[in-house]
C-alpha atoms as a PDB file:
ATOM      1  CA  MET A   1     -32.148 117.556 177.306  1.00  0.00           C
ATOM      2  CA  THR A   2     -29.489 117.154 174.652  1.00  0.00           C
ATOM      3  CA  VAL A   3     -31.692 117.145 171.548  1.00  0.00           C
ATOM      4  CA  LYS A   4     -31.102 120.249 169.420  1.00  0.00           C
ATOM      5  CA  ILE A   5     -32.595 120.644 165.961  1.00  0.00           C
ATOM      6  CA  PHE A   6     -32.033 124.318 165.113  1.00  0.00           C
ATOM      7  CA  ASP A   7     -28.969 123.755 162.912  1.00  0.00           C
ATOM      8  CA  THR A   8     -30.560 120.980 160.866  1.00  0.00           C
ATOM      9  CA  PRO A   9     -31.255 121.692 157.176  1.00  0.00           C
ATOM     10  CA  GLU A  10     -34.964 121.139 157.743  1.00  0.00           C
ATOM     11  CA  VAL A  11     -35.216 123.875 160.374  1.00  0.00           C
ATOM     12  CA  GLN A  12     -32.987 126.274 158.450  1.00  0.00           C
ATOM     13  CA  ASP A  13     -35.177 125.862 155.367  1.00  0.00           C
ATOM     14  CA  PHE A  14     -38.282 126.261 157.549  1.00  0.00           C
ATOM     15  CA  VAL A  15     -37.070 129.598 158.978  1.00  0.00           C
ATOM     16  CA  LYS A  16     -36.469 130.872 155.450  1.00  0.00           C
ATOM     17  CA  THR A  17     -40.000 129.855 154.483  1.00  0.00           C
ATOM     18  CA  VAL A  18     -41.485 131.559 157.556  1.00  0.00           C
ATOM     19  CA  ALA A  19     -39.636 134.758 156.606  1.00  0.00           C
ATOM     20  CA  GLY A  20     -41.031 134.641 153.073  1.00  0.00           C
ATOM     21  CA  PHE A  21     -37.699 134.123 151.319  1.00  0.00           C
ATOM     22  CA  ASP A  22     -39.440 131.845 148.822  1.00  0.00           C
ATOM     23  CA  GLN A  23     -41.984 134.538 147.924  1.00  0.00           C
ATOM     24  CA  THR A  24     -41.510 137.356 145.393  1.00  0.00           C
ATOM     25  CA  GLY A  25     -43.756 139.868 147.165  1.00  0.00           C
ATOM     26  CA  GLY A  26     -43.345 141.646 150.464  1.00  0.00           C
ATOM     27  CA  ASN A  27     -40.614 143.858 151.874  1.00  0.00           C
ATOM     28  CA  ASP A  28     -37.012 142.642 151.674  1.00  0.00           C
ATOM     29  CA  ARG A  29     -35.941 144.396 154.887  1.00  0.00           C
ATOM     30  CA  ALA A  30     -38.922 142.968 156.769  1.00  0.00           C
ATOM     31  CA  LYS A  31     -37.982 139.496 155.531  1.00  0.00           C
ATOM     32  CA  GLN A  32     -34.394 139.871 156.731  1.00  0.00           C
ATOM     33  CA  ILE A  33     -35.465 141.116 160.165  1.00  0.00           C
ATOM     34  CA  VAL A  34     -38.115 138.419 160.635  1.00  0.00           C
ATOM     35  CA  HIS A  35     -35.645 135.745 159.505  1.00  0.00           C
ATOM     36  CA  ARG A  36     -33.165 136.899 162.150  1.00  0.00           C
ATOM     37  CA  LEU A  37     -35.800 137.354 164.859  1.00  0.00           C
ATOM     38  CA  VAL A  38     -37.546 134.023 164.346  1.00  0.00           C
ATOM     39  CA  GLY A  39     -34.244 132.213 163.943  1.00  0.00           C
ATOM     40  CA  ASP A  40     -32.894 133.681 167.202  1.00  0.00           C
ATOM     41  CA  LEU A  41     -36.078 132.698 169.042  1.00  0.00           C
ATOM     42  CA  PHE A  42     -36.020 129.184 167.620  1.00  0.00           C
ATOM     43  CA  LYS A  43     -32.416 128.822 168.747  1.00  0.00           C
ATOM     44  CA  LEU A  44     -33.328 130.152 172.198  1.00  0.00           C
ATOM     45  CA  ILE A  45     -36.021 127.468 172.494  1.00  0.00           C
ATOM     46  CA  ASP A  46     -33.388 124.875 171.615  1.00  0.00           C
ATOM     47  CA  ASP A  47     -30.655 126.231 173.880  1.00  0.00           C
ATOM     48  CA  PHE A  48     -32.863 126.687 176.965  1.00  0.00           C
ATOM     49  CA  ASP A  49     -35.083 123.657 176.324  1.00  0.00           C
ATOM     50  CA  VAL A  50     -38.183 125.853 176.552  1.00  0.00           C
ATOM     51  CA  THR A  51     -41.228 123.726 177.380  1.00  0.00           C
ATOM     52  CA  GLU A  52     -44.626 124.073 175.768  1.00  0.00           C
ATOM     53  CA  GLU A  53     -46.004 125.305 179.097  1.00  0.00           C
ATOM     54  CA  GLU A  54     -43.344 128.038 179.246  1.00  0.00           C
ATOM     55  CA  TYR A  55     -43.960 128.984 175.631  1.00  0.00           C
ATOM     56  CA  TRP A  56     -47.717 129.398 176.046  1.00  0.00           C
ATOM     57  CA  ALA A  57     -47.251 131.278 179.315  1.00  0.00           C
ATOM     58  CA  ALA A  58     -45.077 133.736 177.380  1.00  0.00           C
ATOM     59  CA  ILE A  59     -47.720 134.029 174.652  1.00  0.00           C
ATOM     60  CA  ASN A  60     -50.390 134.766 177.262  1.00  0.00           C
ATOM     61  CA  LEU A  61     -48.151 137.440 178.784  1.00  0.00           C
ATOM     62  CA  LEU A  62     -47.597 139.041 175.378  1.00  0.00           C
ATOM     63  CA  ASN A  63     -51.360 139.037 174.785  1.00  0.00           C
ATOM     64  CA  ALA A  64     -51.869 140.733 178.154  1.00  0.00           C
ATOM     65  CA  LEU A  65     -49.210 143.353 177.362  1.00  0.00           C
ATOM     66  CA  GLY A  66     -50.892 144.138 174.046  1.00  0.00           C
ATOM     67  CA  GLY A  67     -54.389 144.089 175.506  1.00  0.00           C
ATOM     68  CA  GLN A  68     -53.387 146.680 178.105  1.00  0.00           C
ATOM     69  CA  THR A  69     -51.220 148.651 175.641  1.00  0.00           C
ATOM     70  CA  GLN A  70     -48.171 148.178 177.862  1.00  0.00           C
ATOM     71  CA  PHE A  71     -45.475 147.502 175.289  1.00  0.00           C
ATOM     72  CA  GLY A  72     -44.598 151.197 175.605  1.00  0.00           C
ATOM     73  CA  LEU A  73     -43.967 150.651 179.323  1.00  0.00           C
ATOM     74  CA  LEU A  74     -42.045 147.421 178.891  1.00  0.00           C
ATOM     75  CA  SER A  75     -39.788 148.838 176.173  1.00  0.00           C
ATOM     76  CA  PRO A  76     -37.886 151.227 178.478  1.00  0.00           C
ATOM     77  CA  GLY A  77     -38.108 148.720 181.320  1.00  0.00           C
ATOM     78  CA  LEU A  78     -36.112 146.212 179.280  1.00  0.00           C
ATOM     79  CA  GLY A  79     -33.665 148.867 178.114  1.00  0.00           C
ATOM     80  CA  PHE A  80     -34.623 149.092 174.437  1.00  0.00           C
ATOM     81  CA  ASP A  81     -35.154 152.854 174.536  1.00  0.00           C
ATOM     82  CA  HIS A  82     -31.837 153.439 176.258  1.00  0.00           C
ATOM     83  CA  TYR A  83     -30.085 151.115 173.826  1.00  0.00           C
ATOM     84  CA  LEU A  84     -31.349 153.244 170.942  1.00  0.00           C
ATOM     85  CA  ASP A  85     -29.872 156.282 172.729  1.00  0.00           C
ATOM     86  CA  MET A  86     -26.566 154.448 173.190  1.00  0.00           C
ATOM     87  CA  ARG A  87     -26.457 153.629 169.470  1.00  0.00           C
ATOM     88  CA  GLN A  88     -27.204 157.227 168.527  1.00  0.00           C
ATOM     89  CA  ASP A  89     -24.510 158.434 170.937  1.00  0.00           C
ATOM     90  CA  ALA A  90     -22.043 156.133 169.205  1.00  0.00           C
ATOM     91  CA  ILE A  91     -23.167 157.399 165.779  1.00  0.00           C
ATOM     92  CA  ASP A  92     -22.677 160.983 166.934  1.00  0.00           C
ATOM     93  CA  ALA A  93     -19.265 160.179 168.406  1.00  0.00           C
ATOM     94  CA  GLU A  94     -18.148 158.585 165.139  1.00  0.00           C
ATOM     95  CA  ALA A  95     -19.303 161.718 163.275  1.00  0.00           C
ATOM     96  CA  LYS A  96     -17.498 163.856 165.880  1.00  0.00           C
ATOM     97  CA  ARG A  97     -20.754 165.409 167.072  1.00  0.00           C
ATOM     98  CA  THR A  98     -19.902 165.581 170.757  1.00  0.00           C
ATOM     99  CA  GLY A  99     -20.644 167.867 173.682  1.00  0.00           C
ATOM    100  CA  GLY A 100     -23.864 169.465 174.809  1.00  0.00           C
ATOM    101  CA  THR A 101     -26.706 168.076 176.916  1.00  0.00           C
ATOM    102  CA  PRO A 102     -26.879 164.265 176.997  1.00  0.00           C
ATOM    103  CA  ARG A 103     -29.868 162.698 175.273  1.00  0.00           C
ATOM    104  CA  THR A 104     -32.313 160.651 177.322  1.00  0.00           C
ATOM    105  CA  ILE A 105     -35.212 158.478 176.205  1.00  0.00           C
ATOM    106  CA  GLU A 106     -38.438 160.049 174.986  1.00  0.00           C
ATOM    107  CA  GLY A 107     -40.667 157.520 176.720  1.00  0.00           C
ATOM    108  CA  PRO A 108     -44.125 156.466 175.504  1.00  0.00           C
ATOM    109  CA  LEU A 109     -46.193 159.420 176.757  1.00  0.00           C
ATOM    110  CA  TYR A 110     -45.353 162.321 174.422  1.00  0.00           C
ATOM    111  CA  VAL A 111     -48.318 163.923 172.644  1.00  0.00           C
ATOM    112  CA  ALA A 112     -47.808 166.324 169.751  1.00  0.00           C
ATOM    113  CA  GLY A 113     -49.686 169.598 169.344  1.00  0.00           C
ATOM    114  CA  ALA A 114     -49.237 171.154 172.782  1.00  0.00           C
ATOM    115  CA  PRO A 115     -50.278 174.835 173.112  1.00  0.00           C
ATOM    116  CA  GLU A 116     -47.536 177.220 171.998  1.00  0.00           C
ATOM    117  CA  ALA A 117     -46.210 180.328 173.733  1.00  0.00           C
ATOM    118  CA  GLU A 118     -43.466 182.900 173.298  1.00  0.00           C
ATOM    119  CA  GLY A 119     -40.869 182.982 176.075  1.00  0.00           C
ATOM    120  CA  PHE A 120     -43.191 182.012 178.942  1.00  0.00           C
ATOM    121  CA  ALA A 121     -46.010 179.542 179.536  1.00  0.00           C
ATOM    122  CA  ARG A 122     -48.022 178.242 182.427  1.00  0.00           C
ATOM    123  CA  MET A 123     -48.228 174.488 182.016  1.00  0.00           C
ATOM    124  CA  ASP A 124     -50.790 173.399 184.629  1.00  0.00           C
ATOM    125  CA  ASP A 125     -54.470 174.279 184.474  1.00  0.00           C
ATOM    126  CA  GLY A 126     -54.872 174.968 188.201  1.00  0.00           C
ATOM    127  CA  SER A 127     -56.849 171.788 188.862  1.00  0.00           C
ATOM    128  CA  ASP A 128     -54.359 170.550 191.488  1.00  0.00           C
ATOM    129  CA  PRO A 129     -54.392 173.387 194.060  1.00  0.00           C
ATOM    130  CA  ASP A 130     -52.548 171.407 196.734  1.00  0.00           C
ATOM    131  CA  ALA A 131     -49.540 170.756 194.476  1.00  0.00           C
ATOM    132  CA  GLU A 132     -46.339 172.726 194.953  1.00  0.00           C
ATOM    133  CA  VAL A 133     -45.642 175.398 192.354  1.00  0.00           C
ATOM    134  CA  MET A 134     -42.546 174.840 190.205  1.00  0.00           C
ATOM    135  CA  TRP A 135     -40.688 177.304 187.988  1.00  0.00           C
ATOM    136  CA  LEU A 136     -38.540 176.105 185.101  1.00  0.00           C
ATOM    137  CA  THR A 137     -36.081 178.517 183.554  1.00  0.00           C
ATOM    138  CA  GLY A 138     -33.355 177.835 181.041  1.00  0.00           C
ATOM    139  CA  GLN A 139     -31.331 179.015 178.113  1.00  0.00           C
ATOM    140  CA  VAL A 140     -30.832 177.112 174.874  1.00  0.00           C
ATOM    141  CA  ARG A 141     -27.254 177.361 173.622  1.00  0.00           C
ATOM    142  CA  ASP A 142     -25.220 175.545 171.016  1.00  0.00           C
ATOM    143  CA  VAL A 143     -22.189 173.419 171.866  1.00  0.00           C
ATOM    144  CA  ASP A 144     -19.997 176.523 171.721  1.00  0.00           C
ATOM    145  CA  GLY A 145     -22.180 178.293 174.292  1.00  0.00           C
ATOM    146  CA  THR A 146     -23.837 180.690 171.844  1.00  0.00           C
ATOM    147  CA  PRO A 147     -27.537 181.369 172.628  1.00  0.00           C
ATOM    148  CA  ILE A 148     -30.055 180.141 170.047  1.00  0.00           C
ATOM    149  CA  PRO A 149     -32.869 182.701 169.589  1.00  0.00           C
ATOM    150  CA  GLY A 150     -36.327 181.286 168.973  1.00  0.00           C
ATOM    151  CA  ALA A 151     -35.406 177.695 169.846  1.00  0.00           C
ATOM    152  CA  LYS A 152     -38.419 175.432 170.207  1.00  0.00           C
ATOM    153  CA  VAL A 153     -38.688 173.922 173.705  1.00  0.00           C
ATOM    154  CA  GLU A 154     -41.349 171.250 174.214  1.00  0.00           C
ATOM    155  CA  ILE A 155     -41.913 170.257 177.842  1.00  0.00           C
ATOM    156  CA  TRP A 156     -44.203 167.615 179.338  1.00  0.00           C
ATOM    157  CA  HIS A 157     -44.516 165.897 182.712  1.00  0.00           C
ATOM    158  CA  CYS A 158     -47.031 164.176 184.974  1.00  0.00           C
ATOM    159  CA  ASN A 159     -49.108 165.732 187.749  1.00  0.00           C
ATOM    160  CA  SER A 160     -48.625 165.381 191.497  1.00  0.00           C
ATOM    161  CA  LYS A 161     -50.279 161.955 191.400  1.00  0.00           C
ATOM    162  CA  GLY A 162     -48.134 160.523 188.602  1.00  0.00           C
ATOM    163  CA  GLY A 163     -50.696 160.841 185.814  1.00  0.00           C
ATOM    164  CA  TYR A 164     -50.167 162.282 182.333  1.00  0.00           C
ATOM    165  CA  SER A 165     -52.839 164.153 180.409  1.00  0.00           C
ATOM    166  CA  PHE A 166     -54.336 162.147 177.514  1.00  0.00           C
ATOM    167  CA  PHE A 167     -53.513 158.947 179.438  1.00  0.00           C
ATOM    168  CA  ASP A 168     -55.188 160.046 182.698  1.00  0.00           C
ATOM    169  CA  PRO A 169     -58.883 160.722 181.972  1.00  0.00           C
ATOM    170  CA  SER A 170     -59.203 162.979 185.018  1.00  0.00           C
ATOM    171  CA  GLN A 171     -57.022 165.651 183.376  1.00  0.00           C
ATOM    172  CA  ASP A 172     -57.817 168.163 180.656  1.00  0.00           C
ATOM    173  CA  GLU A 173     -56.075 167.881 177.298  1.00  0.00           C
ATOM    174  CA  TYR A 174     -52.489 169.181 177.265  1.00  0.00           C
ATOM    175  CA  ASN A 175     -52.357 169.717 181.021  1.00  0.00           C
ATOM    176  CA  MET A 176     -48.625 169.918 181.867  1.00  0.00           C
ATOM    177  CA  ARG A 177     -47.732 170.009 178.151  1.00  0.00           C
ATOM    178  CA  ARG A 178     -46.452 173.156 176.441  1.00  0.00           C
ATOM    179  CA  THR A 179     -44.298 174.329 173.553  1.00  0.00           C
ATOM    180  CA  ILE A 180     -42.307 177.464 174.332  1.00  0.00           C
ATOM    181  CA  TYR A 181     -40.309 179.431 171.780  1.00  0.00           C
ATOM    182  CA  ALA A 182     -37.218 180.918 173.415  1.00  0.00           C
ATOM    183  CA  ASP A 183     -36.649 184.667 173.353  1.00  0.00           C
ATOM    184  CA  SER A 184     -33.892 186.559 171.531  1.00  0.00           C
ATOM    185  CA  GLU A 185     -31.349 185.277 174.066  1.00  0.00           C
ATOM    186  CA  GLY A 186     -32.524 181.669 173.887  1.00  0.00           C
ATOM    187  CA  ARG A 187     -34.231 181.889 177.278  1.00  0.00           C
ATOM    188  CA  TYR A 188     -37.525 180.322 178.288  1.00  0.00           C
ATOM    189  CA  THR A 189     -39.604 180.171 181.483  1.00  0.00           C
ATOM    190  CA  ALA A 190     -42.438 177.870 182.516  1.00  0.00           C
ATOM    191  CA  ARG A 191     -44.652 177.791 185.577  1.00  0.00           C
ATOM    192  CA  SER A 192     -46.033 174.403 186.555  1.00  0.00           C
ATOM    193  CA  ILE A 193     -46.376 172.078 189.528  1.00  0.00           C
ATOM    194  CA  ILE A 194     -43.845 169.599 190.885  1.00  0.00           C
ATOM    195  CA  PRO A 195     -44.521 166.159 189.379  1.00  0.00           C
ATOM    196  CA  SER A 196     -44.376 162.989 191.410  1.00  0.00           C
ATOM    197  CA  GLY A 197     -42.577 159.774 190.686  1.00  0.00           C
ATOM    198  CA  TYR A 198     -44.688 156.817 189.637  1.00  0.00           C
ATOM    199  CA  GLY A 199     -44.484 153.121 188.902  1.00  0.00           C
ATOM    200  CA  VAL A 200     -46.028 150.592 186.567  1.00  0.00           C
ATOM    201  CA  PRO A 201     -49.386 149.350 187.897  1.00  0.00           C
ATOM    202  CA  GLU A 202     -49.083 146.649 190.567  1.00  0.00           C
ATOM    203  CA  GLY A 203     -49.774 143.239 189.074  1.00  0.00           C
ATOM    204  CA  ALA A 204     -49.870 144.550 185.505  1.00  0.00           C
ATOM    205  CA  PRO A 205     -48.074 142.561 182.771  1.00  0.00           C
ATOM    206  CA  THR A 206     -45.062 144.912 182.794  1.00  0.00           C
ATOM    207  CA  ASP A 207     -44.853 144.551 186.576  1.00  0.00           C
ATOM    208  CA  VAL A 208     -44.944 140.764 186.214  1.00  0.00           C
ATOM    209  CA  VAL A 209     -42.046 140.821 183.741  1.00  0.00           C
ATOM    210  CA  LEU A 210     -39.870 143.148 185.809  1.00  0.00           C
ATOM    211  CA  LYS A 211     -40.515 141.297 189.069  1.00  0.00           C
ATOM    212  CA  SER A 212     -39.563 138.032 187.374  1.00  0.00           C
ATOM    213  CA  LEU A 213     -36.168 139.698 186.824  1.00  0.00           C
ATOM    214  CA  GLY A 214     -35.954 140.861 190.443  1.00  0.00           C
ATOM    215  CA  ARG A 215     -36.486 144.475 189.370  1.00  0.00           C
ATOM    216  CA  HIS A 216     -39.000 147.217 190.125  1.00  0.00           C
ATOM    217  CA  GLY A 217     -40.909 149.503 187.779  1.00  0.00           C
ATOM    218  CA  GLU A 218     -40.588 152.769 189.693  1.00  0.00           C
ATOM    219  CA  ARG A 219     -39.579 156.043 188.021  1.00  0.00           C
ATOM    220  CA  PRO A 220     -38.222 159.081 189.884  1.00  0.00           C
ATOM    221  CA  ALA A 221     -40.013 162.388 189.404  1.00  0.00           C
ATOM    222  CA  HIS A 222     -38.839 163.766 186.065  1.00  0.00           C
ATOM    223  CA  ILE A 223     -39.547 166.296 183.313  1.00  0.00           C
ATOM    224  CA  HIS A 224     -39.307 165.601 179.571  1.00  0.00           C
ATOM    225  CA  TYR A 225     -37.843 167.928 176.952  1.00  0.00           C
ATOM    226  CA  PHE A 226     -37.625 168.204 173.189  1.00  0.00           C
ATOM    227  CA  VAL A 227     -35.368 171.055 172.064  1.00  0.00           C
ATOM    228  CA  SER A 228     -34.998 171.961 168.396  1.00  0.00           C
ATOM    229  CA  ALA A 229     -33.959 174.786 166.104  1.00  0.00           C
ATOM    230  CA  PRO A 230     -33.217 175.068 162.384  1.00  0.00           C
ATOM    231  CA  GLY A 231     -29.655 174.034 161.601  1.00  0.00           C
ATOM    232  CA  HIS A 232     -29.227 172.188 164.883  1.00  0.00           C
ATOM    233  CA  GLN A 233     -29.649 168.564 165.891  1.00  0.00           C
ATOM    234  CA  HIS A 234     -32.882 167.761 167.706  1.00  0.00           C
ATOM    235  CA  LEU A 235     -32.387 166.987 171.421  1.00  0.00           C
ATOM    236  CA  THR A 236     -34.552 164.597 173.435  1.00  0.00           C
ATOM    237  CA  THR A 237     -33.740 164.664 177.123  1.00  0.00           C
ATOM    238  CA  GLN A 238     -35.099 164.594 180.686  1.00  0.00           C
ATOM    239  CA  ILE A 239     -34.238 166.018 184.070  1.00  0.00           C
ATOM    240  CA  ASN A 240     -34.778 164.060 187.281  1.00  0.00           C
ATOM    241  CA  LEU A 241     -35.799 165.917 190.414  1.00  0.00           C
ATOM    242  CA  ALA A 242     -33.352 165.862 193.306  1.00  0.00           C
ATOM    243  CA  GLY A 243     -34.607 164.284 196.508  1.00  0.00           C
ATOM    244  CA  ASP A 244     -36.695 161.570 194.892  1.00  0.00           C
ATOM    245  CA  PRO A 245     -35.779 158.201 196.453  1.00  0.00           C
ATOM    246  CA  TYR A 246     -35.361 156.668 193.000  1.00  0.00           C
ATOM    247  CA  THR A 247     -33.044 159.409 191.695  1.00  0.00           C
ATOM    248  CA  PHE A 248     -29.489 158.048 191.726  1.00  0.00           C
END
C-alpha cells in the first residue's frame, strides 16, 4: 500500500489536539511526551501498513499484559531497563564518574522495608530444607579501594523454585530479603539458600511477545543488590550464579 497520511496537515493538527496542545491545563512535559509517542505510533501504522486486525490484536495483548500485571516483566524483556542503565552509564562517563562495580537493572520485584541487621543476616526462613545453603560475603569499598564502614547493603533473591516473597503466596513476608549494614571495615555476610533460575510463565502475554521475536524469557539464577552510603552514589547491581545454563 502506498497511501501515507501521517505528514498531512490534518494529521499533524490532529496529533497536536490529541496531546492537548490546544488546552491551557495539564502538564507541559506530559503533552510533549504524548505528542511524540502518539506521533511515532501513527507514523509506524503508516510505514508498516498496520491493519485493523493487527491493531486490535495488539490492544488485546496490552490489555492482557495489564490484567496480569506483566508490564514489569516485559520491560526488561524488551530492553527498557537496560537502556536506562546504558543512559546512566553515559551520564556518569560524561561527568567522569567511572570505575567501580557495574550497575545492572533493578527488575520489578524489589520490596522496601526488609528486616535490618548489623554485619550478618540469615535471609531464608528455613522453609525450604532441601535447598542448598549459600553464604554471601563481601566488602563495600569506594572506587579508590577504601572500605566504607556502615554501608547499607540490601539483598534479595528468589527461592529454589524461582519464586519471590510478596509475589509468591507460599512464602512468608521478606523471605530472602534483608538489609545488612556493613561493619567497620565495610564487610557484610549473609546466609541464605541458592536461588534457581526462572522464566516468564508459559503462554503468558510476556511469553507471547518474546516468542514472536524468536526469543525466550528465561533468567539465570541471580542475586540482586542495592548498595548505598552517605556521600556515595547509590549502586544497583546483580550477580549471576556460575553454572546456570543461561549465564553467559
